[in-house]
Amino acid sequence: MSTSEDKKITILGAGLVGSLLSIYLSRRGYEVTMYERRPDMRKENISAGKSINLALSDRGWLGLQGVGIEAAIRKVAIPMNGRMMHSVKGDLTYQQYGEEGQSIYATSRGLLNCVMMDEAEKKGVKIVFNHRCTRVDMENAIASFESPEGAKDVKSRLIFSADGAFSAGRLALQLGADRFDYSQNYLKHGYKELLIPAGPSDSFKMEKHALHIWTRGGYMLIALPNMDGSFTCTLFFPFEGEESFASIKTEEDCNAFFKKNFPDALELMPDLAKQFFSNPTGALVTVKCFPWTYKDKLCLIGDAAHAIVPFYGQGMNCGFEDCTVLESLLEKYNEDWSKVLPAYQAARKPNSDAIADLAIMNFVEMRDLVGSKEFLLRKKIEARIHEKHPEKWLPLYSQVTFSAIPYSEALANGLRQDGIMKKVMALPGIEAKWDSAEVEKMILDQLV
């Protein structure tokens, strides 16, 4: 194999993870080409796909900092300092994220993807659009494509499959790898995007620096701010049942449902019913699989390896962390792919499984618990213990969102903390003595 061929890498998918990966590899001198099945969204008036808005947190920023594009991305991101809970009556309750100064950042998937493709091209990456991968020959690292110009095969040193939850690279592993483990699980809930338009002069009709949540037990609505003053809302709702997507058949049904459950949101969406019936309904899937690699010829990354539901806001952040871990291993093993790829999947598999489980757990918490008095008291106790003993107690949300603690460790820590807090919340009169020395000692004794 010539030196030129030895440096040739194909990436399937020009989404967020593929774009970041391409920059890391291009900086190391690889000749990187990304193949994307869709047209160039920077030139076409098309959607980025059925996807809720994204929330960038510490792991994601770390990945962007690693290739020097953090500043470009901050220009298209809005800091959200906490949750704003909306009651049925329209009362608002604010819950700060983490500590003072800690925020997650709202950004549009499409806008972010455009900026990252621009940055990739600046670093010498070639992006080829309207090319759908139809087959991957793992043994020879050949990807086959269909395009408006016809079919073609592309041979490389290595193929990275960054093509999402329904990946062509993963299909090749399913069909061709020995003992390939695979699971795909759908929630009974789907999601639908809606839009709260901007006010006069692109003003925000709600608090700009918050993630808005309407929890209603069994389903919920969330809203994230956009740069133009609008909010992208997402309704997480059962597919079937008495209150479900299936039960809302007419515009009258839609308006009546929102008037009953989300009246303050309804007031901000004058064309709600039209949006509801014209926007698609998406499914929520968790994908786990293993192995992620074939020899040193094919490697899954991002959603292709580990699709998760969006309730911890970690799908993109986890994919970006894949890239930073891969980069550290390239450094450690001097770009010996035969060592890098096994180490990469060994490091990332337990952590991607953990965040998948955490995301399901957080869905239940967000949907059913975050508005309850008991939940708010529990969070107040946890925050107080962290304030007094930061070296002994870091809330699970902060471990996941505002640290680089491996997800698997965060999950283990979180389960331990949950067991402690269940005992604390069962104490008689906890509402009155939540900040007492008795409660503090009880928690600290269990942390020894």
Foldseek 3Di string as FASTA:
>chain_A
DDPLQLQEEEEEALFDLSLLLLLLSLVVPGAYEYEAQAPDVVPDVDAPDPDFWFWAFDLLLVLCVVNPCNVVVVVFKAWAQFEWEQELVGDTDTDGPDDPPHTIITGGRSVNSNSSNVVSVVSPYHYHYNWDFDAADQVQLKTWTQGPVGIDIDGHSAYEFAPAQPTRLVVCCVVPPPPKDKDKDWDQKWKWKDKQAADPPLAAPDDQRHWYWQADAQWIKIWHDGPSRMIIIMTTAGCDDPTGPVPQDALVSVLVVCCRRPVVVCVRHVCVSVRSVPTDIGIFMWMAMDDQGDQLHYGYAQNNHTRAGCLLSCRSSLRSSLSVQLSVLCVVVVNPSNPSRVVSRVVNRLLSVLVRVVSVVSVNCRRHPPVDPLNVLLVVLLVVLCVVCVVQGDALSCCVGVHVNRSNVSSVVNVLVVVQSVVLSPDPPCVPCSPPPVSSVSSVVSSD
